[in-house]
N, C-alpha and C. Protein backbone atom coordinates (compact mmCIF):
# COMPACT_ATOMS: atom_id res chain seq x y z
N MET A 1 -61.21 -59.55 10.22
CA MET A 1 -61.94 -59.50 11.47
C MET A 1 -63.29 -58.83 11.22
N LYS A 2 -64.34 -59.42 11.73
CA LYS A 2 -65.67 -58.84 11.61
C LYS A 2 -66.01 -58.04 12.86
N GLU A 3 -66.78 -56.98 12.66
CA GLU A 3 -67.18 -56.13 13.77
C GLU A 3 -68.70 -56.16 13.87
N TYR A 4 -69.20 -56.38 15.06
CA TYR A 4 -70.63 -56.38 15.32
C TYR A 4 -70.94 -55.26 16.29
N ARG A 5 -71.91 -54.43 15.97
CA ARG A 5 -72.29 -53.32 16.86
C ARG A 5 -73.60 -53.65 17.57
N HIS A 6 -73.64 -53.32 18.83
CA HIS A 6 -74.85 -53.48 19.61
C HIS A 6 -74.93 -52.32 20.60
N THR A 7 -76.09 -52.14 21.18
CA THR A 7 -76.34 -50.99 22.03
C THR A 7 -76.75 -51.45 23.43
N ILE A 8 -76.22 -50.77 24.41
CA ILE A 8 -76.63 -50.98 25.80
C ILE A 8 -77.12 -49.63 26.31
N THR A 9 -78.26 -49.63 26.96
CA THR A 9 -78.80 -48.40 27.52
C THR A 9 -78.60 -48.43 29.04
N PHE A 10 -77.98 -47.39 29.56
CA PHE A 10 -77.78 -47.27 30.99
C PHE A 10 -78.81 -46.29 31.55
N VAL A 11 -79.28 -46.57 32.75
CA VAL A 11 -80.19 -45.68 33.45
C VAL A 11 -79.49 -45.25 34.73
N THR A 12 -79.35 -43.96 34.94
CA THR A 12 -78.71 -43.43 36.14
C THR A 12 -79.78 -42.77 37.00
N GLU A 13 -79.87 -43.24 38.23
CA GLU A 13 -80.80 -42.64 39.17
C GLU A 13 -80.00 -41.78 40.14
N ILE A 14 -80.36 -40.53 40.25
CA ILE A 14 -79.65 -39.59 41.11
C ILE A 14 -80.48 -39.36 42.38
N ASP A 15 -79.87 -39.62 43.54
CA ASP A 15 -80.52 -39.36 44.82
C ASP A 15 -79.86 -38.12 45.41
N GLU A 16 -80.42 -36.98 45.15
CA GLU A 16 -79.83 -35.71 45.57
C GLU A 16 -79.73 -35.59 47.09
N GLU A 17 -80.56 -36.31 47.82
CA GLU A 17 -80.52 -36.25 49.28
C GLU A 17 -79.24 -36.86 49.86
N HIS A 18 -78.58 -37.73 49.11
CA HIS A 18 -77.38 -38.38 49.59
C HIS A 18 -76.09 -37.79 49.02
N MET A 19 -76.20 -36.69 48.29
CA MET A 19 -75.02 -36.00 47.77
C MET A 19 -74.35 -35.23 48.91
N SER A 20 -73.03 -35.09 48.80
CA SER A 20 -72.36 -34.21 49.76
C SER A 20 -72.88 -32.79 49.55
N GLU A 21 -72.78 -32.00 50.57
CA GLU A 21 -73.30 -30.63 50.48
C GLU A 21 -72.58 -29.86 49.37
N ASN A 22 -71.26 -30.01 49.29
CA ASN A 22 -70.49 -29.29 48.27
C ASN A 22 -70.90 -29.71 46.86
N PHE A 23 -71.02 -31.02 46.64
CA PHE A 23 -71.40 -31.47 45.30
C PHE A 23 -72.85 -31.09 45.01
N GLY A 24 -73.70 -31.07 46.03
CA GLY A 24 -75.10 -30.66 45.84
C GLY A 24 -75.21 -29.26 45.29
N TYR A 25 -74.36 -28.35 45.79
CA TYR A 25 -74.36 -26.97 45.27
C TYR A 25 -73.93 -26.94 43.80
N ILE A 26 -72.91 -27.71 43.49
CA ILE A 26 -72.43 -27.77 42.10
C ILE A 26 -73.51 -28.36 41.21
N TRP A 27 -74.13 -29.46 41.65
CA TRP A 27 -75.17 -30.14 40.88
C TRP A 27 -76.35 -29.20 40.61
N ASP A 28 -76.76 -28.48 41.64
CA ASP A 28 -77.89 -27.56 41.49
C ASP A 28 -77.59 -26.43 40.49
N ALA A 29 -76.33 -26.02 40.43
CA ALA A 29 -75.94 -24.92 39.54
C ALA A 29 -75.75 -25.37 38.08
N MET A 30 -75.65 -26.67 37.85
CA MET A 30 -75.42 -27.18 36.49
C MET A 30 -76.70 -27.13 35.67
N PRO A 31 -76.60 -26.66 34.42
CA PRO A 31 -77.75 -26.80 33.52
C PRO A 31 -77.99 -28.29 33.22
N GLY A 32 -79.19 -28.63 32.85
CA GLY A 32 -79.54 -30.03 32.56
C GLY A 32 -78.62 -30.69 31.55
N ARG A 33 -78.22 -29.95 30.53
CA ARG A 33 -77.34 -30.49 29.50
C ARG A 33 -75.98 -30.87 30.09
N ASP A 34 -75.47 -30.05 31.01
CA ASP A 34 -74.19 -30.34 31.65
C ASP A 34 -74.30 -31.53 32.60
N ARG A 35 -75.43 -31.67 33.25
CA ARG A 35 -75.65 -32.83 34.12
C ARG A 35 -75.60 -34.11 33.29
N LEU A 36 -76.30 -34.11 32.16
CA LEU A 36 -76.32 -35.28 31.29
C LEU A 36 -74.91 -35.60 30.78
N CYS A 37 -74.17 -34.60 30.40
CA CYS A 37 -72.80 -34.78 29.93
C CYS A 37 -71.93 -35.38 31.04
N PHE A 38 -72.08 -34.88 32.25
CA PHE A 38 -71.33 -35.40 33.40
C PHE A 38 -71.64 -36.88 33.62
N ILE A 39 -72.93 -37.22 33.59
CA ILE A 39 -73.34 -38.62 33.79
C ILE A 39 -72.79 -39.50 32.67
N ARG A 40 -72.91 -39.06 31.43
CA ARG A 40 -72.41 -39.85 30.30
C ARG A 40 -70.90 -40.07 30.40
N ASN A 41 -70.16 -39.02 30.71
CA ASN A 41 -68.70 -39.14 30.81
C ASN A 41 -68.29 -40.05 31.96
N SER A 42 -68.99 -39.96 33.07
CA SER A 42 -68.69 -40.82 34.21
C SER A 42 -68.96 -42.29 33.86
N THR A 43 -70.10 -42.54 33.24
CA THR A 43 -70.45 -43.91 32.85
C THR A 43 -69.45 -44.44 31.84
N LYS A 44 -69.06 -43.62 30.88
CA LYS A 44 -68.09 -44.03 29.86
C LYS A 44 -66.76 -44.42 30.50
N SER A 45 -66.32 -43.67 31.48
CA SER A 45 -65.08 -43.96 32.18
C SER A 45 -65.15 -45.30 32.92
N ILE A 46 -66.26 -45.53 33.60
CA ILE A 46 -66.44 -46.79 34.34
C ILE A 46 -66.46 -47.97 33.38
N VAL A 47 -67.19 -47.86 32.28
CA VAL A 47 -67.29 -48.95 31.31
C VAL A 47 -65.94 -49.20 30.65
N ASN A 48 -65.22 -48.15 30.30
CA ASN A 48 -63.90 -48.33 29.69
C ASN A 48 -62.96 -49.07 30.63
N ASP A 49 -62.98 -48.75 31.92
CA ASP A 49 -62.14 -49.46 32.89
C ASP A 49 -62.51 -50.94 32.95
N PHE A 50 -63.81 -51.22 32.97
CA PHE A 50 -64.27 -52.60 33.00
C PHE A 50 -63.83 -53.35 31.75
N LEU A 51 -64.01 -52.74 30.57
CA LEU A 51 -63.66 -53.41 29.31
C LEU A 51 -62.16 -53.65 29.21
N TYR A 52 -61.37 -52.73 29.70
CA TYR A 52 -59.92 -52.91 29.69
C TYR A 52 -59.54 -54.18 30.47
N LYS A 53 -60.13 -54.34 31.64
CA LYS A 53 -59.85 -55.52 32.46
C LYS A 53 -60.40 -56.79 31.82
N ALA A 54 -61.57 -56.70 31.22
CA ALA A 54 -62.20 -57.88 30.61
C ALA A 54 -61.43 -58.37 29.39
N ASN A 55 -60.77 -57.48 28.67
CA ASN A 55 -60.09 -57.85 27.42
C ASN A 55 -58.59 -58.09 27.58
N GLU A 56 -58.02 -57.91 28.75
CA GLU A 56 -56.57 -57.91 28.88
C GLU A 56 -55.90 -59.27 28.68
N ASN A 57 -56.64 -60.33 28.68
CA ASN A 57 -56.04 -61.64 28.49
C ASN A 57 -55.98 -62.07 27.03
N GLY A 58 -56.19 -61.15 26.10
CA GLY A 58 -56.11 -61.49 24.67
C GLY A 58 -57.19 -62.44 24.23
N SER A 59 -58.40 -62.22 24.70
CA SER A 59 -59.51 -63.10 24.34
C SER A 59 -59.79 -63.02 22.85
N TRP A 60 -60.59 -63.92 22.37
CA TRP A 60 -60.91 -63.98 20.94
C TRP A 60 -61.85 -62.87 20.52
N ALA A 61 -62.52 -62.24 21.47
CA ALA A 61 -63.41 -61.12 21.16
C ALA A 61 -62.96 -59.92 21.98
N ILE A 62 -62.77 -58.82 21.32
CA ILE A 62 -62.39 -57.59 22.00
C ILE A 62 -63.61 -56.66 21.97
N VAL A 63 -64.04 -56.25 23.14
CA VAL A 63 -65.18 -55.33 23.25
C VAL A 63 -64.62 -53.96 23.59
N ARG A 64 -65.07 -52.94 22.87
CA ARG A 64 -64.60 -51.59 23.13
C ARG A 64 -65.79 -50.65 23.09
N LEU A 65 -65.58 -49.48 23.63
CA LEU A 65 -66.62 -48.47 23.66
C LEU A 65 -66.48 -47.58 22.44
N ALA A 66 -67.52 -47.54 21.61
CA ALA A 66 -67.51 -46.68 20.42
C ALA A 66 -67.95 -45.28 20.83
N ASP A 67 -67.25 -44.28 20.35
CA ASP A 67 -67.60 -42.91 20.68
C ASP A 67 -68.58 -42.40 19.64
N ASN A 68 -69.79 -42.09 20.10
CA ASN A 68 -70.83 -41.59 19.19
C ASN A 68 -70.94 -40.07 19.23
N GLY A 69 -69.93 -39.42 19.79
CA GLY A 69 -69.92 -37.97 19.79
C GLY A 69 -70.51 -37.31 20.93
């Protein structure tokens, strides 16, 4: 089996005005590095769920999320 690697870049736009008040307090208290980690982990979870559903029929190509650390 051959493996081909490719990259997708996601852009997350945060609208702080539409956050719940409770999450807004948490968001404001997070350092920038923790915010980025939160966004990356959330995106990774969503993409993994999508890929699981996309690959469940035993297709000829299996797409998975590579962990880059």
